[in-house]
Amino acid sequence: MTGKFALIIHPEQAPLTTLSRALTEAGLKVMAAHSGEEALRRIGNFSLLMPDVVVTPFEDPTTSAAEDTNLLAALRANPLAKNVPVVLLASGEDDERRRALRAGFSIQVPHPYEAEELILQIQLALDQHRDENLLSGSLEQLSVAEILQTCEISRRSGTIRLRSDGRGGNLWLRGGRVIDARIDDGRQGKEAVYALVEWDQGSFEADFKAVSVPERITESTAYLLLEAARLQDERQRADAAPPFAAMPDPPPLPPPEIRATHRALTLMNIAASYALDHMTIGLLETRLEAARQRILKDHPALDAFHVTTDGRITLVSLVAGGGSRPTEAVVAAIAAWLKDFFGGAERVLPGRFALRHLRSLSEALQEDLNTLGFYQALGLADTPLEGTEKEL
C-alpha cells in the first residue's frame, strides 16, 4: 500500500487522529477531514486530487442538505472517481448496515475501530479495485483537458481511449504524464495530443493499468495543455474577420500589470506541476510556502499570492507593494520566489531543478515572459531552450 493516497473522514477529532496515524504508519499518504463537505472542498470535488481509497462513515444521500456536499454521491457522479473503493466506518446499527449494503458498500469496519482491521480492509479494497480499473464517460461531461489534469494530479498510469464522430484516438500516461498519443488518421505524439484536446463530443474509456509503450513525449501535461490552448487561439485569430490589424479601433491590450500577474500565476503553476514529478503534494506545498515566506519582507507583492494544500498557486487579492511600478514588482517577486524554491530543491536533487528547465517548460509563453521581463529577472534571457544547444 506504500504511496497510496487515502482520504479519511470522521466528525470526531480523537478517532480521526488515531486512524490517520495508523494509516500513515502503514505507508499510506493521508488527508483527514471532519466531513464530506470539507473533504470535497479541499480536493476540488475530485478535480484536483483523486484518492486511491476513501474511509468514511455512512452518509445517506437522502438526508443530505445538498447533494453536491455528499461525498458518496459525488464519488458516484464523477466518471473518474466512481470506482474508487470506499471502506465504511460503521456505527454497528443494523439499520445503517442494511442501508449501506443496499447502497452497494460491502466493506465495513465496525465500531470500535481497530487500526489493524481497518488496514486489512483497506488492503482488501485496493486488491479488489485492481480488477475494476476500467472507467468510462462522455466528453460532454468531462473534457479531455479535465481528464488529463485529474490523471496528472493523481499520477495515474494507463490508456485513455477516445471516440468522437467516428474517429478514434489513444492517450498513454505514465505517472500522470502523457508519454504518447495517436489518432486513427495517423497523427501521433504531441500533434495528436493538441488535436485530441479539442474533441468536445463523444466518449472516453480509461484503463488505469501499467503501460509499456515507448516514451515519445517528454513535456509535462501542463505544457501540452497550454500549447494546445495557444494553437487553438492562433487559429481562431487567423479565422477572425476582419483581423485586429484591419480594425479602425482594435481592442487595447490589458494593462502590463494585469498581463504580468496572469503570466506570473501561469509560470508558478507550470513550475509546481513540474515539481510534482519529483516530490509529494505535501512537500511541494511546504517548500513553496516556505520560499514565499523567506522573501515576503523584501517582496510584499507576494502577499497577493497563495499556496493551496494541493500545491497550486492562486491569487487572493490585487497585487500590492508595487508602488508606481507594479509590473516590475510582480516580475521581481516571482523571479525571487522561483530562485529560492528551485535553489532549495536543486540542493536536494542536483540537476533536476536547474533554472534553465523553466525555459523549456514555459516555451508556449516565452514571448510574453520575455517581453514582460521574467526571463531577464531569472537570468534566462540568453539561455537556449533545452535540446537546441549547438554542438561545439
Foldseek 3Di string as FASTA:
>chain_A
DAAFEEEEEAQDDVVQVVLQVLVVVVRYHYDYYHFLQVVCVQCVLLLNEAGQEYEEADDDCVPDPDNSSHNLSSQCVDQQRVLRAYEHAYAPDPVSQVVCVVVPHDHYAYPPHDNVSVVVSVVVSSVVCLVVQKTKDWLLVPAPLSVLNSCLLHQFFWKKWWDDPNWIKIFGGGGSFTQKIAIPVGDMDLVRLLVRRPRRGGMMMTRGDHDDDHRPDDAGSLLSVLLSVLVVVVVVQVPDPPHQVPDPDRDDDPPLLVLLVVVLQSLQQLVQSLCVVPDPQQVLLVLLVVLCVVCCVVQVQCVQWDQRSRGHIDGNDHGPDQPPHNLVSSLLSSLSSLCSSLVVVCVVVPPSSDPLQSCQSCVSCVVVCVVSCNCVSNVNNPPDRPPPDDDD
